[in-house]
Amino acid sequence: MKSIPSRNLRENRESGTDIILPQMHPILLSLLLGLTAAAANVFGGAIIVQKHWDRSYLRYFVALGAGFMLATAIVEVFPAALELRGKSAAFLVLVGYLIVHFFEHTVTTHFHFGEETHKDQFVHTHKGYSILIGLIIHTFFDGIAIASGFLVSNWLGWIIFLAIFLHKIPEGFTITSVMLASGQSRSVAWGASVLLGIATFAGVATMAIFKHEVSYGLPLSAGVTIYVAASDLIPEVNREPGAKMALVVFLGVGFLFLLDHFAHVH
């Protein structure tokens, strides 16, 4: 077991390598932002349940989030994980990737990451619940990622939080529409989005309790983030005709580098 490299973190902070933001205890900050991310899950579910919102912007959230998450995982999270654990971090990244693949495509059935409209594919109630289980695992690791990032550095924590927050509302869209399509009531469908929010916060709380295991949590969450971006979000973008959505993915990637250039003091 490796503990948090506190000396390196102090050196990073003293040398000004963290983003310039109000200083707060990393655990407290990650808990507060975990609640914010959880609220976005619940809000996404409420949008679908209300049925009078214009959801045409969903695809832009998905595309922007895909690019930003992919860039964050590869450019920011993965190098930090290698610094914490060395080459063994790469194995844990792969494990994190395969964990979500197992639950989303072995335990659960086919689903789209967004508002689900193919009601004929969800005639059995148990399918909706199996998808809920897969997304709960995914959102739990969202929380792990947020807390792990702040335990490493203020900058990394904020970047991971932003990457995750961008896809939290579409997550709420996803599970609520899936539950409605499987024949559940509006209250049960919205309750499913609440469960995703709880799982997100539970991930943050778990990492807060086991903060000395951040060298495991960070690479695992990197693998989960790569999977969600590359296997869940990008395919949804590719379903849209034309080049506009693909360009929004590049915009998400570019957003990370803009933040790195203007907000991250080197």
C-alpha atoms as a PDB file:
ATOM      1  CA  MET A   1       0.000   0.000   0.000  1.00  0.00           C
ATOM      2  CA  LYS A   2       1.249   3.454  -0.877  1.00  0.00           C
ATOM      3  CA  SER A   3       0.293   6.484   1.125  1.00  0.00           C
ATOM      4  CA  ILE A   4      -0.476   9.898  -0.284  1.00  0.00           C
ATOM      5  CA  PRO A   5       2.772  11.520  -1.404  1.00  0.00           C
ATOM      6  CA  SER A   6       2.334  14.440   0.978  1.00  0.00           C
ATOM      7  CA  ARG A   7       5.843  15.791   0.449  1.00  0.00           C
ATOM      8  CA  ASN A   8       5.342  16.026  -3.312  1.00  0.00           C
ATOM      9  CA  LEU A   9       1.958  17.639  -2.833  1.00  0.00           C
ATOM     10  CA  ARG A  10       3.442  20.258  -0.521  1.00  0.00           C
ATOM     11  CA  GLU A  11       6.180  20.951  -3.033  1.00  0.00           C
ATOM     12  CA  ASN A  12       3.613  21.299  -5.817  1.00  0.00           C
ATOM     13  CA  ARG A  13       1.569  23.749  -3.803  1.00  0.00           C
ATOM     14  CA  GLU A  14       4.632  25.734  -2.756  1.00  0.00           C
ATOM     15  CA  SER A  15       5.879  25.924  -6.344  1.00  0.00           C
ATOM     16  CA  GLY A  16       2.500  27.193  -7.541  1.00  0.00           C
ATOM     17  CA  THR A  17       1.570  24.270  -9.747  1.00  0.00           C
ATOM     18  CA  ASP A  18      -2.005  24.136  -8.476  1.00  0.00           C
ATOM     19  CA  ILE A  19      -4.847  26.063 -10.028  1.00  0.00           C
ATOM     20  CA  ILE A  20      -5.368  29.394  -8.278  1.00  0.00           C
ATOM     21  CA  LEU A  21      -8.588  28.780  -6.362  1.00  0.00           C
ATOM     22  CA  PRO A  22      -9.718  29.371  -2.777  1.00  0.00           C
ATOM     23  CA  GLN A  23      -7.941  26.891  -0.523  1.00  0.00           C
ATOM     24  CA  MET A  24     -10.134  24.391   1.299  1.00  0.00           C
ATOM     25  CA  HIS A  25      -9.458  21.007   2.851  1.00  0.00           C
ATOM     26  CA  PRO A  26      -9.430  18.529  -0.079  1.00  0.00           C
ATOM     27  CA  ILE A  27     -11.837  16.112   1.608  1.00  0.00           C
ATOM     28  CA  LEU A  28     -14.371  18.830   2.429  1.00  0.00           C
ATOM     29  CA  LEU A  29     -14.097  20.292  -1.053  1.00  0.00           C
ATOM     30  CA  SER A  30     -14.534  16.899  -2.729  1.00  0.00           C
ATOM     31  CA  LEU A  31     -17.588  16.176  -0.560  1.00  0.00           C
ATOM     32  CA  LEU A  32     -19.193  19.485  -1.503  1.00  0.00           C
ATOM     33  CA  LEU A  33     -18.500  18.967  -5.195  1.00  0.00           C
ATOM     34  CA  GLY A  34     -19.667  15.373  -4.907  1.00  0.00           C
ATOM     35  CA  LEU A  35     -22.998  16.720  -3.724  1.00  0.00           C
ATOM     36  CA  THR A  36     -23.029  19.114  -6.684  1.00  0.00           C
ATOM     37  CA  ALA A  37     -22.398  16.284  -9.142  1.00  0.00           C
ATOM     38  CA  ALA A  38     -25.067  14.180  -7.439  1.00  0.00           C
ATOM     39  CA  ALA A  39     -27.550  17.051  -7.757  1.00  0.00           C
ATOM     40  CA  ALA A  40     -26.841  17.152 -11.504  1.00  0.00           C
ATOM     41  CA  ASN A  41     -27.854  13.480 -11.738  1.00  0.00           C
ATOM     42  CA  VAL A  42     -31.124  14.256  -9.987  1.00  0.00           C
ATOM     43  CA  PHE A  43     -31.708  17.344 -12.138  1.00  0.00           C
ATOM     44  CA  GLY A  44     -31.194  15.317 -15.303  1.00  0.00           C
ATOM     45  CA  GLY A  45     -33.813  12.848 -14.129  1.00  0.00           C
ATOM     46  CA  ALA A  46     -36.240  15.637 -13.306  1.00  0.00           C
ATOM     47  CA  ILE A  47     -35.915  17.028 -16.835  1.00  0.00           C
ATOM     48  CA  ILE A  48     -37.102  13.760 -18.363  1.00  0.00           C
ATOM     49  CA  VAL A  49     -39.907  13.270 -15.829  1.00  0.00           C
ATOM     50  CA  GLN A  50     -41.289  16.780 -16.383  1.00  0.00           C
ATOM     51  CA  LYS A  51     -41.519  16.148 -20.134  1.00  0.00           C
ATOM     52  CA  HIS A  52     -41.863  19.812 -21.023  1.00  0.00           C
ATOM     53  CA  TRP A  53     -38.181  20.664 -21.327  1.00  0.00           C
ATOM     54  CA  ASP A  54     -36.428  21.137 -24.638  1.00  0.00           C
ATOM     55  CA  ARG A  55     -33.838  18.336 -24.607  1.00  0.00           C
ATOM     56  CA  SER A  56     -32.255  19.152 -27.982  1.00  0.00           C
ATOM     57  CA  TYR A  57     -29.075  20.348 -26.268  1.00  0.00           C
ATOM     58  CA  LEU A  58     -28.418  16.899 -24.773  1.00  0.00           C
ATOM     59  CA  ARG A  59     -26.231  15.804 -27.689  1.00  0.00           C
ATOM     60  CA  TYR A  60     -24.003  18.852 -27.207  1.00  0.00           C
ATOM     61  CA  PHE A  61     -23.479  17.985 -23.543  1.00  0.00           C
ATOM     62  CA  VAL A  62     -22.563  14.455 -24.566  1.00  0.00           C
ATOM     63  CA  ALA A  63     -20.095  15.532 -27.258  1.00  0.00           C
ATOM     64  CA  LEU A  64     -18.453  18.243 -25.159  1.00  0.00           C
ATOM     65  CA  GLY A  65     -18.230  15.923 -22.165  1.00  0.00           C
ATOM     66  CA  ALA A  66     -16.749  13.128 -24.273  1.00  0.00           C
ATOM     67  CA  GLY A  67     -13.880  15.266 -25.515  1.00  0.00           C
ATOM     68  CA  PHE A  68     -13.177  16.877 -22.170  1.00  0.00           C
ATOM     69  CA  MET A  69     -13.327  13.577 -20.254  1.00  0.00           C
ATOM     70  CA  LEU A  70     -11.084  11.747 -22.703  1.00  0.00           C
ATOM     71  CA  ALA A  71      -8.494  14.511 -22.647  1.00  0.00           C
ATOM     72  CA  THR A  72      -8.655  14.767 -18.853  1.00  0.00           C
ATOM     73  CA  ALA A  73      -8.195  11.030 -18.324  1.00  0.00           C
ATOM     74  CA  ILE A  74      -5.259  10.697 -20.740  1.00  0.00           C
ATOM     75  CA  VAL A  75      -3.467  14.013 -20.289  1.00  0.00           C
ATOM     76  CA  GLU A  76      -4.064  14.681 -16.575  1.00  0.00           C
ATOM     77  CA  VAL A  77      -5.275  11.644 -14.608  1.00  0.00           C
ATOM     78  CA  PHE A  78      -3.202   8.878 -16.179  1.00  0.00           C
ATOM     79  CA  PRO A  79       0.174  10.661 -15.746  1.00  0.00           C
ATOM     80  CA  ALA A  80      -0.708  11.469 -12.128  1.00  0.00           C
ATOM     81  CA  ALA A  81      -1.590   7.808 -11.544  1.00  0.00           C
ATOM     82  CA  LEU A  82       1.753   6.711 -13.009  1.00  0.00           C
ATOM     83  CA  GLU A  83       3.525   9.110 -10.672  1.00  0.00           C
ATOM     84  CA  LEU A  84       1.719   7.587  -7.694  1.00  0.00           C
ATOM     85  CA  ARG A  85       2.134   3.882  -8.508  1.00  0.00           C
ATOM     86  CA  GLY A  86       4.607   3.570 -11.342  1.00  0.00           C
ATOM     87  CA  LYS A  87       3.985   0.997 -14.065  1.00  0.00           C
ATOM     88  CA  SER A  88       1.440  -0.905 -11.954  1.00  0.00           C
ATOM     89  CA  ALA A  89      -0.924   2.041 -12.437  1.00  0.00           C
ATOM     90  CA  ALA A  90      -1.416   0.990 -16.062  1.00  0.00           C
ATOM     91  CA  PHE A  91      -2.788  -2.376 -14.899  1.00  0.00           C
ATOM     92  CA  LEU A  92      -5.250  -0.661 -12.558  1.00  0.00           C
ATOM     93  CA  VAL A  93      -6.372   1.645 -15.380  1.00  0.00           C
ATOM     94  CA  LEU A  94      -7.168  -1.446 -17.428  1.00  0.00           C
ATOM     95  CA  VAL A  95      -9.024  -2.994 -14.467  1.00  0.00           C
ATOM     96  CA  GLY A  96     -11.124   0.162 -14.073  1.00  0.00           C
ATOM     97  CA  TYR A  97     -11.955   0.108 -17.779  1.00  0.00           C
ATOM     98  CA  LEU A  98     -12.993  -3.549 -17.682  1.00  0.00           C
ATOM     99  CA  ILE A  99     -15.078  -3.166 -14.513  1.00  0.00           C
ATOM    100  CA  VAL A 100     -17.462  -0.770 -16.242  1.00  0.00           C
ATOM    101  CA  HIS A 101     -17.443  -2.813 -19.442  1.00  0.00           C
ATOM    102  CA  PHE A 102     -18.452  -5.884 -17.441  1.00  0.00           C
ATOM    103  CA  PHE A 103     -21.357  -4.207 -15.687  1.00  0.00           C
ATOM    104  CA  GLU A 104     -22.622  -2.191 -18.660  1.00  0.00           C
ATOM    105  CA  HIS A 105     -22.383  -4.855 -21.346  1.00  0.00           C
ATOM    106  CA  THR A 106     -22.381  -8.196 -19.525  1.00  0.00           C
ATOM    107  CA  VAL A 107     -24.668  -7.698 -16.542  1.00  0.00           C
ATOM    108  CA  THR A 108     -26.841  -5.120 -18.320  1.00  0.00           C
ATOM    109  CA  THR A 109     -28.391  -4.980 -21.770  1.00  0.00           C
ATOM    110  CA  HIS A 110     -28.037  -2.562 -24.686  1.00  0.00           C
ATOM    111  CA  PHE A 111     -28.714   1.081 -23.909  1.00  0.00           C
ATOM    112  CA  HIS A 112     -27.854   4.513 -25.243  1.00  0.00           C
ATOM    113  CA  PHE A 113     -26.121   7.153 -23.137  1.00  0.00           C
ATOM    114  CA  GLY A 114     -28.830   9.777 -23.347  1.00  0.00           C
ATOM    115  CA  GLU A 115     -32.583   9.913 -23.585  1.00  0.00           C
ATOM    116  CA  GLU A 116     -33.762   6.393 -24.453  1.00  0.00           C
ATOM    117  CA  THR A 117     -36.552   6.261 -26.985  1.00  0.00           C
ATOM    118  CA  HIS A 118     -36.538   2.613 -28.117  1.00  0.00           C
ATOM    119  CA  LYS A 119     -39.288   1.445 -25.801  1.00  0.00           C
ATOM    120  CA  ASP A 120     -39.635  -1.907 -27.520  1.00  0.00           C
ATOM    121  CA  GLN A 121     -36.184  -2.852 -26.218  1.00  0.00           C
ATOM    122  CA  PHE A 122     -37.276  -2.463 -22.589  1.00  0.00           C
ATOM    123  CA  VAL A 123     -40.442  -4.522 -22.299  1.00  0.00           C
ATOM    124  CA  HIS A 124     -39.056  -6.435 -19.325  1.00  0.00           C
ATOM    125  CA  THR A 125     -38.762  -4.513 -16.070  1.00  0.00           C
ATOM    126  CA  HIS A 126     -35.620  -6.379 -14.982  1.00  0.00           C
ATOM    127  CA  LYS A 127     -33.709  -4.899 -17.917  1.00  0.00           C
ATOM    128  CA  GLY A 128     -34.245  -1.398 -16.601  1.00  0.00           C
ATOM    129  CA  TYR A 129     -32.948  -2.441 -13.204  1.00  0.00           C
ATOM    130  CA  SER A 130     -29.898  -4.160 -14.693  1.00  0.00           C
ATOM    131  CA  ILE A 131     -28.988  -0.938 -16.487  1.00  0.00           C
ATOM    132  CA  LEU A 132     -29.467   0.931 -13.216  1.00  0.00           C
ATOM    133  CA  ILE A 133     -26.936  -1.398 -11.550  1.00  0.00           C
ATOM    134  CA  GLY A 134     -24.402  -0.731 -14.300  1.00  0.00           C
ATOM    135  CA  LEU A 135     -24.794   3.031 -14.029  1.00  0.00           C
ATOM    136  CA  ILE A 136     -24.582   2.911 -10.227  1.00  0.00           C
ATOM    137  CA  ILE A 137     -21.156   1.246 -10.539  1.00  0.00           C
ATOM    138  CA  HIS A 138     -20.125   3.885 -13.051  1.00  0.00           C
ATOM    139  CA  THR A 139     -21.295   6.834 -10.931  1.00  0.00           C
ATOM    140  CA  PHE A 140     -19.696   5.377  -7.803  1.00  0.00           C
ATOM    141  CA  PHE A 141     -16.347   5.570  -9.573  1.00  0.00           C
ATOM    142  CA  ASP A 142     -17.181   9.122 -10.638  1.00  0.00           C
ATOM    143  CA  GLY A 143     -17.134   9.961  -6.947  1.00  0.00           C
ATOM    144  CA  ILE A 144     -13.902   8.006  -6.432  1.00  0.00           C
ATOM    145  CA  ALA A 145     -12.337  10.054  -9.236  1.00  0.00           C
ATOM    146  CA  ILE A 146     -13.397  13.410  -7.774  1.00  0.00           C
ATOM    147  CA  ALA A 147     -12.014  12.670  -4.316  1.00  0.00           C
ATOM    148  CA  SER A 148      -8.847  11.032  -5.670  1.00  0.00           C
ATOM    149  CA  GLY A 149      -8.126  14.082  -7.792  1.00  0.00           C
ATOM    150  CA  PHE A 150      -8.344  16.488  -4.866  1.00  0.00           C
ATOM    151  CA  LEU A 151      -6.183  14.231  -2.720  1.00  0.00           C
ATOM    152  CA  VAL A 152      -3.453  14.541  -5.334  1.00  0.00           C
ATOM    153  CA  SER A 153      -3.772  18.249  -6.147  1.00  0.00           C
ATOM    154  CA  ASN A 154      -6.284  21.069  -6.213  1.00  0.00           C
ATOM    155  CA  TRP A 155      -5.852  21.465  -9.978  1.00  0.00           C
ATOM    156  CA  LEU A 156      -6.419  17.793 -10.761  1.00  0.00           C
ATOM    157  CA  GLY A 157      -9.489  17.658  -8.531  1.00  0.00           C
ATOM    158  CA  TRP A 158     -11.167  20.607 -10.251  1.00  0.00           C
ATOM    159  CA  ILE A 159     -10.395  19.287 -13.727  1.00  0.00           C
ATOM    160  CA  ILE A 160     -11.797  15.834 -12.898  1.00  0.00           C
ATOM    161  CA  PHE A 161     -14.883  17.357 -11.296  1.00  0.00           C
ATOM    162  CA  LEU A 162     -15.578  19.487 -14.361  1.00  0.00           C
ATOM    163  CA  ALA A 163     -15.114  16.498 -16.675  1.00  0.00           C
ATOM    164  CA  ILE A 164     -17.551  14.436 -14.623  1.00  0.00           C
ATOM    165  CA  PHE A 165     -20.060  17.240 -14.118  1.00  0.00           C
ATOM    166  CA  LEU A 166     -20.423  17.696 -17.889  1.00  0.00           C
ATOM    167  CA  HIS A 167     -21.970  14.235 -18.241  1.00  0.00           C
ATOM    168  CA  LYS A 168     -23.957  14.103 -15.001  1.00  0.00           C
ATOM    169  CA  ILE A 169     -27.158  15.596 -16.449  1.00  0.00           C
ATOM    170  CA  PRO A 170     -27.100  13.162 -19.419  1.00  0.00           C
ATOM    171  CA  GLU A 171     -26.673  10.330 -16.893  1.00  0.00           C
ATOM    172  CA  GLY A 172     -29.881  11.446 -15.221  1.00  0.00           C
ATOM    173  CA  PHE A 173     -31.528  11.582 -18.665  1.00  0.00           C
ATOM    174  CA  THR A 174     -30.338   8.059 -19.378  1.00  0.00           C
ATOM    175  CA  ILE A 175     -31.559   6.198 -16.323  1.00  0.00           C
ATOM    176  CA  THR A 176     -34.865   8.040 -16.015  1.00  0.00           C
ATOM    177  CA  SER A 177     -35.818   7.501 -19.649  1.00  0.00           C
ATOM    178  CA  VAL A 178     -34.738   3.852 -19.455  1.00  0.00           C
ATOM    179  CA  MET A 179     -36.914   3.253 -16.395  1.00  0.00           C
ATOM    180  CA  LEU A 180     -39.879   4.959 -18.033  1.00  0.00           C
ATOM    181  CA  ALA A 181     -39.352   2.875 -21.167  1.00  0.00           C
ATOM    182  CA  SER A 182     -39.376  -0.298 -19.071  1.00  0.00           C
ATOM    183  CA  GLY A 183     -42.821   0.568 -17.710  1.00  0.00           C
ATOM    184  CA  GLN A 184     -41.936   2.184 -14.385  1.00  0.00           C
ATOM    185  CA  SER A 185     -43.841   5.127 -12.938  1.00  0.00           C
ATOM    186  CA  ARG A 186     -42.472   8.663 -13.079  1.00  0.00           C
ATOM    187  CA  SER A 187     -41.684   8.612  -9.365  1.00  0.00           C
ATOM    188  CA  VAL A 188     -39.740   5.341  -9.641  1.00  0.00           C
ATOM    189  CA  ALA A 189     -37.914   6.629 -12.730  1.00  0.00           C
ATOM    190  CA  TRP A 190     -36.915   9.837 -10.976  1.00  0.00           C
ATOM    191  CA  GLY A 191     -35.926   7.819  -7.905  1.00  0.00           C
ATOM    192  CA  ALA A 192     -33.460   5.930 -10.104  1.00  0.00           C
ATOM    193  CA  SER A 193     -31.677   9.205 -10.907  1.00  0.00           C
ATOM    194  CA  VAL A 194     -31.587   9.943  -7.177  1.00  0.00           C
ATOM    195  CA  LEU A 195     -29.846   6.580  -6.663  1.00  0.00           C
ATOM    196  CA  LEU A 196     -27.197   7.613  -9.181  1.00  0.00           C
ATOM    197  CA  GLY A 197     -26.649  10.803  -7.216  1.00  0.00           C
ATOM    198  CA  ILE A 198     -26.327   8.819  -3.989  1.00  0.00           C
ATOM    199  CA  ALA A 199     -23.811   6.476  -5.640  1.00  0.00           C
ATOM    200  CA  THR A 200     -21.742   9.464  -6.808  1.00  0.00           C
ATOM    201  CA  PHE A 201     -21.585  10.899  -3.314  1.00  0.00           C
ATOM    202  CA  ALA A 202     -20.908   7.446  -1.854  1.00  0.00           C
ATOM    203  CA  GLY A 203     -17.830   7.188  -4.091  1.00  0.00           C
ATOM    204  CA  VAL A 204     -16.527  10.504  -2.774  1.00  0.00           C
ATOM    205  CA  ALA A 205     -17.221   9.458   0.821  1.00  0.00           C
ATOM    206  CA  THR A 206     -15.512   6.088   0.321  1.00  0.00           C
ATOM    207  CA  MET A 207     -12.357   7.732  -0.982  1.00  0.00           C
ATOM    208  CA  ALA A 208     -12.502  10.251   1.857  1.00  0.00           C
ATOM    209  CA  ILE A 209     -12.506   7.375   4.356  1.00  0.00           C
ATOM    210  CA  PHE A 210      -9.796   5.406   2.550  1.00  0.00           C
ATOM    211  CA  LYS A 211      -7.757   8.432   1.503  1.00  0.00           C
ATOM    212  CA  HIS A 212      -4.448   6.581   1.896  1.00  0.00           C
ATOM    213  CA  GLU A 213      -5.545   4.261  -0.934  1.00  0.00           C
ATOM    214  CA  VAL A 214      -5.575   7.104  -3.451  1.00  0.00           C
ATOM    215  CA  SER A 215      -2.809   5.350  -5.407  1.00  0.00           C
ATOM    216  CA  TYR A 216      -5.429   2.690  -6.207  1.00  0.00           C
ATOM    217  CA  GLY A 217      -8.451   4.961  -6.560  1.00  0.00           C
ATOM    218  CA  LEU A 218      -6.895   7.357  -9.062  1.00  0.00           C
ATOM    219  CA  PRO A 219      -5.822   4.816 -11.729  1.00  0.00           C
ATOM    220  CA  LEU A 220      -9.056   2.829 -11.346  1.00  0.00           C
ATOM    221  CA  SER A 221     -11.067   5.989 -11.881  1.00  0.00           C
ATOM    222  CA  ALA A 222      -8.880   6.869 -14.882  1.00  0.00           C
ATOM    223  CA  GLY A 223      -9.863   3.576 -16.510  1.00  0.00           C
ATOM    224  CA  VAL A 224     -13.534   4.212 -15.759  1.00  0.00           C
ATOM    225  CA  THR A 225     -13.314   7.722 -17.216  1.00  0.00           C
ATOM    226  CA  ILE A 226     -11.641   6.493 -20.397  1.00  0.00           C
ATOM    227  CA  TYR A 227     -14.319   3.836 -20.802  1.00  0.00           C
ATOM    228  CA  VAL A 228     -17.222   6.237 -20.320  1.00  0.00           C
ATOM    229  CA  ALA A 229     -15.744   8.758 -22.751  1.00  0.00           C
ATOM    230  CA  ALA A 230     -14.586   6.338 -25.454  1.00  0.00           C
ATOM    231  CA  SER A 231     -17.174   3.547 -25.211  1.00  0.00           C
ATOM    232  CA  ASP A 232     -20.318   5.279 -23.942  1.00  0.00           C
ATOM    233  CA  LEU A 233     -20.171   8.881 -25.115  1.00  0.00           C
ATOM    234  CA  ILE A 234     -18.199   8.836 -28.374  1.00  0.00           C
ATOM    235  CA  PRO A 235     -20.490   6.200 -29.985  1.00  0.00           C
ATOM    236  CA  GLU A 236     -23.469   8.448 -29.245  1.00  0.00           C
ATOM    237  CA  VAL A 237     -21.679  11.333 -30.944  1.00  0.00           C
ATOM    238  CA  ASN A 238     -20.883   9.136 -33.945  1.00  0.00           C
ATOM    239  CA  ARG A 239     -24.589   8.341 -34.394  1.00  0.00           C
ATOM    240  CA  GLU A 240     -25.240  11.976 -35.290  1.00  0.00           C
ATOM    241  CA  PRO A 241     -24.868  12.812 -39.035  1.00  0.00           C
ATOM    242  CA  GLY A 242     -22.509  15.517 -40.198  1.00  0.00           C
ATOM    243  CA  ALA A 243     -19.307  16.932 -38.766  1.00  0.00           C
ATOM    244  CA  LYS A 244     -20.798  19.372 -36.259  1.00  0.00           C
ATOM    245  CA  MET A 245     -20.963  16.938 -33.334  1.00  0.00           C
ATOM    246  CA  ALA A 246     -17.456  15.632 -34.013  1.00  0.00           C
ATOM    247  CA  LEU A 247     -16.177  19.196 -33.884  1.00  0.00           C
ATOM    248  CA  VAL A 248     -17.837  19.676 -30.485  1.00  0.00           C
ATOM    249  CA  VAL A 249     -15.748  16.731 -29.222  1.00  0.00           C
ATOM    250  CA  PHE A 250     -12.614  18.575 -30.340  1.00  0.00           C
ATOM    251  CA  LEU A 251     -13.967  21.655 -28.598  1.00  0.00           C
ATOM    252  CA  GLY A 252     -14.158  19.639 -25.381  1.00  0.00           C
ATOM    253  CA  VAL A 253     -10.541  18.546 -25.816  1.00  0.00           C
ATOM    254  CA  GLY A 254      -9.474  22.093 -26.557  1.00  0.00           C
ATOM    255  CA  PHE A 255     -11.324  23.346 -23.471  1.00  0.00           C
ATOM    256  CA  LEU A 256      -9.012  21.280 -21.263  1.00  0.00           C
ATOM    257  CA  PHE A 257      -5.900  22.763 -22.870  1.00  0.00           C
ATOM    258  CA  LEU A 258      -7.306  26.270 -22.566  1.00  0.00           C
ATOM    259  CA  LEU A 259      -7.871  25.714 -18.863  1.00  0.00           C
ATOM    260  CA  ASP A 260      -4.402  24.275 -18.526  1.00  0.00           C
ATOM    261  CA  HIS A 261      -2.885  27.299 -20.235  1.00  0.00           C
ATOM    262  CA  PHE A 262      -4.836  30.098 -18.569  1.00  0.00           C
ATOM    263  CA  ALA A 263      -5.799  28.719 -15.137  1.00  0.00           C
ATOM    264  CA  HIS A 264      -3.001  26.307 -14.266  1.00  0.00           C
ATOM    265  CA  VAL A 265       0.125  28.122 -13.135  1.00  0.00           C
ATOM    266  CA  HIS A 266       3.253  26.178 -14.222  1.00  0.00           C
END
